Amino acid sequence: MRQDSSTANMIFPVARLVSYLSEFMTLEPGDLIATGTPAGVGMGCRPPEYLVPGMQLRLGIDGLGEQLLTTVAERGQPQDS
């Protein structure tokens, strides 16, 4: 496990984030809002560890479930071999 935190530690409450985002986009069931990172961010590792194409990330919320995501290269960016 790389990170473990709670929405209670967020700078802005979830309801405020959803309200703000809803002002300029439509949120659909299942949408994921990436808000930043709790302690454990890769930049603070020695040496730093960043996301690279092909990495798998498991995001979970207790009592709700998990999502398994695979990172991909940004369009137009070279892929590491």
PDB file of N, CA and C in Angstrom:
ATOM      1  N   MET A   1       0.851  -1.178   0.000  1.00  0.00           N
ATOM      2  CA  MET A   1       0.000   0.000   0.000  1.00  0.00           C
ATOM      3  C   MET A   1       0.891   1.233   0.000  1.00  0.00           C
ATOM      4  N   ARG A   2       0.555   2.165  -0.854  1.00  0.00           N
ATOM      5  CA  ARG A   2       1.346   3.393  -0.972  1.00  0.00           C
ATOM      6  C   ARG A   2       0.747   4.517  -0.131  1.00  0.00           C
ATOM      7  N   GLN A   3      -0.575   4.632  -0.158  1.00  0.00           N
ATOM      8  CA  GLN A   3      -1.238   5.714   0.557  1.00  0.00           C
ATOM      9  C   GLN A   3      -2.485   5.195   1.259  1.00  0.00           C
ATOM     10  N   ASP A   4      -2.808   5.824   2.369  1.00  0.00           N
ATOM     11  CA  ASP A   4      -4.010   5.459   3.118  1.00  0.00           C
ATOM     12  C   ASP A   4      -4.455   6.696   3.876  1.00  0.00           C
ATOM     13  N   SER A   5      -5.601   7.225   3.518  1.00  0.00           N
ATOM     14  CA  SER A   5      -6.081   8.436   4.163  1.00  0.00           C
ATOM     15  C   SER A   5      -7.604   8.441   4.149  1.00  0.00           C
ATOM     16  N   SER A   6      -8.177   9.540   4.575  1.00  0.00           N
ATOM     17  CA  SER A   6      -9.620   9.681   4.683  1.00  0.00           C
ATOM     18  C   SER A   6     -10.053  11.025   4.106  1.00  0.00           C
ATOM     19  N   THR A   7     -11.289  11.091   3.639  1.00  0.00           N
ATOM     20  CA  THR A   7     -11.810  12.371   3.159  1.00  0.00           C
ATOM     21  C   THR A   7     -11.857  13.408   4.283  1.00  0.00           C
ATOM     22  N   ALA A   8     -11.806  12.964   5.525  1.00  0.00           N
ATOM     23  CA  ALA A   8     -11.793  13.894   6.654  1.00  0.00           C
ATOM     24  C   ALA A   8     -10.527  14.757   6.642  1.00  0.00           C
ATOM     25  N   ASN A   9      -9.492  14.302   5.942  1.00  0.00           N
ATOM     26  CA  ASN A   9      -8.232  15.039   5.888  1.00  0.00           C
ATOM     27  C   ASN A   9      -8.127  15.967   4.679  1.00  0.00           C
ATOM     28  N   MET A  10      -9.177  16.057   3.884  1.00  0.00           N
ATOM     29  CA  MET A  10      -9.138  16.897   2.686  1.00  0.00           C
ATOM     30  C   MET A  10      -9.260  18.372   3.064  1.00  0.00           C
ATOM     31  N   ILE A  11      -8.641  19.235   2.260  1.00  0.00           N
ATOM     32  CA  ILE A  11      -8.700  20.677   2.498  1.00  0.00           C
ATOM     33  C   ILE A  11     -10.121  21.191   2.273  1.00  0.00           C
ATOM     34  N   PHE A  12     -10.767  20.744   1.185  1.00  0.00           N
ATOM     35  CA  PHE A  12     -12.142  21.135   0.884  1.00  0.00           C
ATOM     36  C   PHE A  12     -13.045  19.918   1.048  1.00  0.00           C
ATOM     37  N   PRO A  13     -14.211  20.076   1.658  1.00  0.00           N
ATOM     38  CA  PRO A  13     -15.136  18.951   1.806  1.00  0.00           C
ATOM     39  C   PRO A  13     -15.591  18.416   0.445  1.00  0.00           C
ATOM     40  N   VAL A  14     -15.908  17.131   0.394  1.00  0.00           N
ATOM     41  CA  VAL A  14     -16.343  16.481  -0.841  1.00  0.00           C
ATOM     42  C   VAL A  14     -17.533  17.215  -1.452  1.00  0.00           C
ATOM     43  N   ALA A  15     -18.509  17.582  -0.653  1.00  0.00           N
ATOM     44  CA  ALA A  15     -19.705  18.260  -1.181  1.00  0.00           C
ATOM     45  C   ALA A  15     -19.331  19.558  -1.886  1.00  0.00           C
ATOM     46  N   ARG A  16     -18.369  20.274  -1.365  1.00  0.00           N
ATOM     47  CA  ARG A  16     -17.943  21.526  -1.999  1.00  0.00           C
ATOM     48  C   ARG A  16     -17.270  21.247  -3.344  1.00  0.00           C
ATOM     49  N   LEU A  17     -16.450  20.199  -3.413  1.00  0.00           N
ATOM     50  CA  LEU A  17     -15.790  19.838  -4.672  1.00  0.00           C
ATOM     51  C   LEU A  17     -16.803  19.435  -5.733  1.00  0.00           C
ATOM     52  N   VAL A  18     -17.771  18.613  -5.343  1.00  0.00           N
ATOM     53  CA  VAL A  18     -18.799  18.162  -6.291  1.00  0.00           C
ATOM     54  C   VAL A  18     -19.623  19.357  -6.765  1.00  0.00           C
ATOM     55  N   SER A  19     -19.974  20.241  -5.871  1.00  0.00           N
ATOM     56  CA  SER A  19     -20.740  21.428  -6.233  1.00  0.00           C
ATOM     57  C   SER A  19     -19.958  22.290  -7.218  1.00  0.00           C
ATOM     58  N   TYR A  20     -18.683  22.510  -6.941  1.00  0.00           N
ATOM     59  CA  TYR A  20     -17.850  23.334  -7.812  1.00  0.00           C
ATOM     60  C   TYR A  20     -17.718  22.707  -9.201  1.00  0.00           C
ATOM     61  N   LEU A  21     -17.385  21.423  -9.251  1.00  0.00           N
ATOM     62  CA  LEU A  21     -17.222  20.754 -10.544  1.00  0.00           C
ATOM     63  C   LEU A  21     -18.522  20.746 -11.340  1.00  0.00           C
ATOM     64  N   SER A  22     -19.646  20.629 -10.647  1.00  0.00           N
ATOM     65  CA  SER A  22     -20.948  20.583 -11.312  1.00  0.00           C
ATOM     66  C   SER A  22     -21.310  21.902 -11.977  1.00  0.00           C
ATOM     67  N   GLU A  23     -20.603  22.972 -11.627  1.00  0.00           N
ATOM     68  CA  GLU A  23     -20.865  24.263 -12.252  1.00  0.00           C
ATOM     69  C   GLU A  23     -20.440  24.280 -13.713  1.00  0.00           C
ATOM     70  N   PHE A  24     -19.455  23.454 -14.095  1.00  0.00           N
ATOM     71  CA  PHE A  24     -18.969  23.508 -15.472  1.00  0.00           C
ATOM     72  C   PHE A  24     -18.851  22.154 -16.161  1.00  0.00           C
ATOM     73  N   MET A  25     -19.306  21.089 -15.515  1.00  0.00           N
ATOM     74  CA  MET A  25     -19.311  19.781 -16.175  1.00  0.00           C
ATOM     75  C   MET A  25     -20.403  18.910 -15.566  1.00  0.00           C
ATOM     76  N   THR A  26     -20.841  17.914 -16.332  1.00  0.00           N
ATOM     77  CA  THR A  26     -21.844  16.977 -15.852  1.00  0.00           C
ATOM     78  C   THR A  26     -21.142  15.773 -15.246  1.00  0.00           C
ATOM     79  N   LEU A  27     -21.422  15.483 -14.008  1.00  0.00           N
ATOM     80  CA  LEU A  27     -20.874  14.304 -13.346  1.00  0.00           C
ATOM     81  C   LEU A  27     -21.871  13.158 -13.493  1.00  0.00           C
ATOM     82  N   GLU A  28     -21.349  12.008 -13.858  1.00  0.00           N
ATOM     83  CA  GLU A  28     -22.171  10.821 -14.063  1.00  0.00           C
ATOM     84  C   GLU A  28     -21.850   9.783 -12.992  1.00  0.00           C
ATOM     85  N   PRO A  29     -22.790   8.861 -12.696  1.00  0.00           N
ATOM     86  CA  PRO A  29     -22.492   7.789 -11.738  1.00  0.00           C
ATOM     87  C   PRO A  29     -21.230   7.038 -12.171  1.00  0.00           C
ATOM     88  N   GLY A  30     -20.354   6.812 -11.221  1.00  0.00           N
ATOM     89  CA  GLY A  30     -19.107   6.104 -11.502  1.00  0.00           C
ATOM     90  C   GLY A  30     -17.943   7.016 -11.829  1.00  0.00           C
ATOM     91  N   ASP A  31     -18.194   8.325 -12.014  1.00  0.00           N
ATOM     92  CA  ASP A  31     -17.098   9.260 -12.273  1.00  0.00           C
ATOM     93  C   ASP A  31     -16.153   9.291 -11.074  1.00  0.00           C
ATOM     94  N   LEU A  32     -14.899   9.431 -11.360  1.00  0.00           N
ATOM     95  CA  LEU A  32     -13.867   9.513 -10.335  1.00  0.00           C
ATOM     96  C   LEU A  32     -13.311  10.924 -10.352  1.00  0.00           C
ATOM     97  N   ILE A  33     -13.269  11.557  -9.206  1.00  0.00           N
ATOM     98  CA  ILE A  33     -12.716  12.907  -9.091  1.00  0.00           C
ATOM     99  C   ILE A  33     -11.352  12.781  -8.419  1.00  0.00           C
ATOM    100  N   ALA A  34     -10.304  13.055  -9.180  1.00  0.00           N
ATOM    101  CA  ALA A  34      -8.944  13.003  -8.641  1.00  0.00           C
ATOM    102  C   ALA A  34      -8.658  14.344  -7.978  1.00  0.00           C
ATOM    103  N   THR A  35      -8.419  14.327  -6.685  1.00  0.00           N
ATOM    104  CA  THR A  35      -8.318  15.567  -5.918  1.00  0.00           C
ATOM    105  C   THR A  35      -6.913  15.887  -5.426  1.00  0.00           C
ATOM    106  N   GLY A  36      -5.983  15.033  -5.669  1.00  0.00           N
ATOM    107  CA  GLY A  36      -4.656  15.263  -5.130  1.00  0.00           C
ATOM    108  C   GLY A  36      -4.213  14.019  -4.389  1.00  0.00           C
ATOM    109  N   THR A  37      -3.340  14.193  -3.454  1.00  0.00           N
ATOM    110  CA  THR A  37      -2.772  13.022  -2.805  1.00  0.00           C
ATOM    111  C   THR A  37      -2.510  13.252  -1.326  1.00  0.00           C
ATOM    112  N   PRO A  38      -2.755  12.232  -0.504  1.00  0.00           N
ATOM    113  CA  PRO A  38      -2.367  12.322   0.906  1.00  0.00           C
ATOM    114  C   PRO A  38      -0.880  12.006   1.048  1.00  0.00           C
ATOM    115  N   ALA A  39      -0.423  11.920   2.268  1.00  0.00           N
ATOM    116  CA  ALA A  39       0.981  11.571   2.525  1.00  0.00           C
ATOM    117  C   ALA A  39       1.332  10.285   1.793  1.00  0.00           C
ATOM    118  N   GLY A  40       2.563  10.198   1.312  1.00  0.00           N
ATOM    119  CA  GLY A  40       3.008   9.009   0.593  1.00  0.00           C
ATOM    120  C   GLY A  40       3.216   9.260  -0.871  1.00  0.00           C
ATOM    121  N   VAL A  41       3.100  10.525  -1.291  1.00  0.00           N
ATOM    122  CA  VAL A  41       3.265  10.874  -2.695  1.00  0.00           C
ATOM    123  C   VAL A  41       4.659  10.470  -3.184  1.00  0.00           C
ATOM    124  N   GLY A  42       4.725  10.033  -4.457  1.00  0.00           N
ATOM    125  CA  GLY A  42       5.960   9.503  -5.027  1.00  0.00           C
ATOM    126  C   GLY A  42       7.119  10.475  -5.047  1.00  0.00           C
ATOM    127  N   MET A  43       6.831  11.781  -5.142  1.00  0.00           N
ATOM    128  CA  MET A  43       7.901  12.767  -5.184  1.00  0.00           C
ATOM    129  C   MET A  43       8.710  12.766  -3.888  1.00  0.00           C
ATOM    130  N   GLY A  44       8.080  12.370  -2.788  1.00  0.00           N
ATOM    131  CA  GLY A  44       8.768  12.356  -1.511  1.00  0.00           C
ATOM    132  C   GLY A  44       9.599  11.108  -1.268  1.00  0.00           C
ATOM    133  N   CYS A  45       9.509  10.119  -2.169  1.00  0.00           N
ATOM    134  CA  CYS A  45      10.293   8.886  -2.037  1.00  0.00           C
ATOM    135  C   CYS A  45      11.749   9.165  -2.409  1.00  0.00           C
ATOM    136  N   ARG A  46      12.640   8.347  -1.902  1.00  0.00           N
ATOM    137  CA  ARG A  46      14.068   8.452  -2.222  1.00  0.00           C
ATOM    138  C   ARG A  46      14.537   7.160  -2.843  1.00  0.00           C
ATOM    139  N   PRO A  47      14.755   7.076  -4.160  1.00  0.00           N
ATOM    140  CA  PRO A  47      14.559   8.132  -5.158  1.00  0.00           C
ATOM    141  C   PRO A  47      13.077   8.321  -5.451  1.00  0.00           C
ATOM    142  N   PRO A  48      12.713   9.449  -6.078  1.00  0.00           N
ATOM    143  CA  PRO A  48      11.307   9.704  -6.405  1.00  0.00           C
ATOM    144  C   PRO A  48      10.733   8.588  -7.281  1.00  0.00           C
ATOM    145  N   GLU A  49       9.453   8.273  -7.088  1.00  0.00           N
ATOM    146  CA  GLU A  49       8.763   7.245  -7.870  1.00  0.00           C
ATOM    147  C   GLU A  49       7.524   7.861  -8.501  1.00  0.00           C
ATOM    148  N   TYR A  50       7.504   7.891  -9.834  1.00  0.00           N
ATOM    149  CA  TYR A  50       6.397   8.500 -10.560  1.00  0.00           C
ATOM    150  C   TYR A  50       5.608   7.440 -11.314  1.00  0.00           C
ATOM    151  N   LEU A  51       4.368   7.778 -11.682  1.00  0.00           N
ATOM    152  CA  LEU A  51       3.559   6.876 -12.492  1.00  0.00           C
ATOM    153  C   LEU A  51       4.162   6.774 -13.886  1.00  0.00           C
ATOM    154  N   VAL A  52       4.145   5.568 -14.434  1.00  0.00           N
ATOM    155  CA  VAL A  52       4.609   5.330 -15.804  1.00  0.00           C
ATOM    156  C   VAL A  52       3.553   4.491 -16.512  1.00  0.00           C
ATOM    157  N   PRO A  53       3.493   4.589 -17.850  1.00  0.00           N
ATOM    158  CA  PRO A  53       2.502   3.797 -18.586  1.00  0.00           C
ATOM    159  C   PRO A  53       2.596   2.314 -18.232  1.00  0.00           C
ATOM    160  N   GLY A  54       1.437   1.699 -18.025  1.00  0.00           N
ATOM    161  CA  GLY A  54       1.369   0.278 -17.699  1.00  0.00           C
ATOM    162  C   GLY A  54       1.234  -0.024 -16.219  1.00  0.00           C
ATOM    163  N   MET A  55       1.455   0.971 -15.345  1.00  0.00           N
ATOM    164  CA  MET A  55       1.284   0.728 -13.909  1.00  0.00           C
ATOM    165  C   MET A  55      -0.187   0.492 -13.604  1.00  0.00           C
ATOM    166  N   GLN A  56      -0.441  -0.384 -12.662  1.00  0.00           N
ATOM    167  CA  GLN A  56      -1.818  -0.615 -12.227  1.00  0.00           C
ATOM    168  C   GLN A  56      -2.016   0.006 -10.855  1.00  0.00           C
ATOM    169  N   LEU A  57      -3.134   0.694 -10.705  1.00  0.00           N
ATOM    170  CA  LEU A  57      -3.482   1.359  -9.459  1.00  0.00           C
ATOM    171  C   LEU A  57      -4.819   0.830  -8.983  1.00  0.00           C
ATOM    172  N   ARG A  58      -4.907   0.512  -7.706  1.00  0.00           N
ATOM    173  CA  ARG A  58      -6.174   0.086  -7.126  1.00  0.00           C
ATOM    174  C   ARG A  58      -6.618   1.179  -6.166  1.00  0.00           C
ATOM    175  N   LEU A  59      -7.796   1.746  -6.456  1.00  0.00           N
ATOM    176  CA  LEU A  59      -8.370   2.798  -5.636  1.00  0.00           C
ATOM    177  C   LEU A  59      -9.588   2.231  -4.941  1.00  0.00           C
ATOM    178  N   GLY A  60      -9.668   2.404  -3.642  1.00  0.00           N
ATOM    179  CA  GLY A  60     -10.788   1.826  -2.922  1.00  0.00           C
ATOM    180  C   GLY A  60     -11.389   2.762  -1.905  1.00  0.00           C
ATOM    181  N   ILE A  61     -12.659   2.543  -1.653  1.00  0.00           N
ATOM    182  CA  ILE A  61     -13.381   3.260  -0.612  1.00  0.00           C
ATOM    183  C   ILE A  61     -14.061   2.215   0.253  1.00  0.00           C
ATOM    184  N   ASP A  62     -13.732   2.210   1.538  1.00  0.00           N
ATOM    185  CA  ASP A  62     -14.316   1.237   2.456  1.00  0.00           C
ATOM    186  C   ASP A  62     -15.835   1.261   2.357  1.00  0.00           C
ATOM    187  N   GLY A  63     -16.437   0.095   2.230  1.00  0.00           N
ATOM    188  CA  GLY A  63     -17.880  -0.020   2.179  1.00  0.00           C
ATOM    189  C   GLY A  63     -18.478   0.272   0.812  1.00  0.00           C
ATOM    190  N   LEU A  64     -17.667   0.719  -0.151  1.00  0.00           N
ATOM    191  CA  LEU A  64     -18.180   1.037  -1.472  1.00  0.00           C
ATOM    192  C   LEU A  64     -17.595   0.125  -2.549  1.00  0.00           C
ATOM    193  N   GLY A  65     -16.288  -0.056  -2.531  1.00  0.00           N
ATOM    194  CA  GLY A  65     -15.668  -0.933  -3.507  1.00  0.00           C
ATOM    195  C   GLY A  65     -14.330  -0.407  -3.983  1.00  0.00           C
ATOM    196  N   GLU A  66     -13.830  -1.023  -5.042  1.00  0.00           N
ATOM    197  CA  GLU A  66     -12.522  -0.678  -5.584  1.00  0.00           C
ATOM    198  C   GLU A  66     -12.592  -0.539  -7.103  1.00  0.00           C
ATOM    199  N   GLN A  67     -11.651   0.214  -7.652  1.00  0.00           N
ATOM    200  CA  GLN A  67     -11.446   0.312  -9.092  1.00  0.00           C
ATOM    201  C   GLN A  67     -10.002  -0.050  -9.372  1.00  0.00           C
ATOM    202  N   LEU A  68      -9.762  -0.787 -10.443  1.00  0.00           N
ATOM    203  CA  LEU A  68      -8.416  -1.101 -10.884  1.00  0.00           C
ATOM    204  C   LEU A  68      -8.170  -0.309 -12.161  1.00  0.00           C
ATOM    205  N   LEU A  69      -7.169   0.564 -12.134  1.00  0.00           N
ATOM    206  CA  LEU A  69      -6.857   1.424 -13.261  1.00  0.00           C
ATOM    207  C   LEU A  69      -5.467   1.093 -13.781  1.00  0.00           C
ATOM    208  N   THR A  70      -5.277   1.201 -15.086  1.00  0.00           N
ATOM    209  CA  THR A  70      -3.963   1.032 -15.693  1.00  0.00           C
ATOM    210  C   THR A  70      -3.576   2.348 -16.341  1.00  0.00           C
ATOM    211  N   THR A  71      -2.394   2.858 -16.019  1.00  0.00           N
ATOM    212  CA  THR A  71      -1.955   4.130 -16.574  1.00  0.00           C
ATOM    213  C   THR A  71      -1.565   3.958 -18.036  1.00  0.00           C
ATOM    214  N   VAL A  72      -1.785   4.996 -18.816  1.00  0.00           N
ATOM    215  CA  VAL A  72      -1.414   5.008 -20.230  1.00  0.00           C
ATOM    216  C   VAL A  72      -0.624   6.281 -20.505  1.00  0.00           C
ATOM    217  N   ALA A  73       0.147   6.274 -21.592  1.00  0.00           N
ATOM    218  CA  ALA A  73       0.911   7.453 -21.979  1.00  0.00           C
ATOM    219  C   ALA A  73      -0.040   8.543 -22.438  1.00  0.00           C
ATOM    220  N   GLU A  74       0.314   9.776 -22.152  1.00  0.00           N
ATOM    221  CA  GLU A  74      -0.466  10.901 -22.628  1.00  0.00           C
ATOM    222  C   GLU A  74      -0.393  10.928 -24.155  1.00  0.00           C
ATOM    223  N   ARG A  75      -1.494  11.238 -24.798  1.00  0.00           N
ATOM    224  CA  ARG A  75      -1.527  11.252 -26.263  1.00  0.00           C
ATOM    225  C   ARG A  75      -0.402  12.140 -26.798  1.00  0.00           C
ATOM    226  N   GLY A  76       0.350  11.609 -27.749  1.00  0.00           N
ATOM    227  CA  GLY A  76       1.433  12.360 -28.346  1.00  0.00           C
ATOM    228  C   GLY A  76       2.755  12.256 -27.604  1.00  0.00           C
ATOM    229  N   GLN A  77       2.754  11.589 -26.454  1.00  0.00           N
ATOM    230  CA  GLN A  77       3.979  11.421 -25.672  1.00  0.00           C
ATOM    231  C   GLN A  77       4.595  10.068 -25.967  1.00  0.00           C
ATOM    232  N   PRO A  78       5.924   9.984 -26.023  1.00  0.00           N
ATOM    233  CA  PRO A  78       6.566   8.680 -26.268  1.00  0.00           C
ATOM    234  C   PRO A  78       6.348   7.743 -25.095  1.00  0.00           C
ATOM    235  N   GLN A  79       6.246   6.457 -25.393  1.00  0.00           N
ATOM    236  CA  GLN A  79       6.091   5.451 -24.348  1.00  0.00           C
ATOM    237  C   GLN A  79       7.445   4.882 -23.989  1.00  0.00           C
ATOM    238  N   ASP A  80       7.653   4.620 -22.701  1.00  0.00           N
ATOM    239  CA  ASP A  80       8.896   3.965 -22.269  1.00  0.00           C
ATOM    240  C   ASP A  80       8.876   2.517 -22.701  1.00  0.00           C
ATOM    241  N   SER A  81      10.012   2.000 -23.066  1.00  0.00           N
ATOM    242  CA  SER A  81      10.101   0.609 -23.490  1.00  0.00           C
ATOM    243  C   SER A  81      10.513  -0.277 -22.348  1.00  0.00           C
TER     244      SER A  81
END
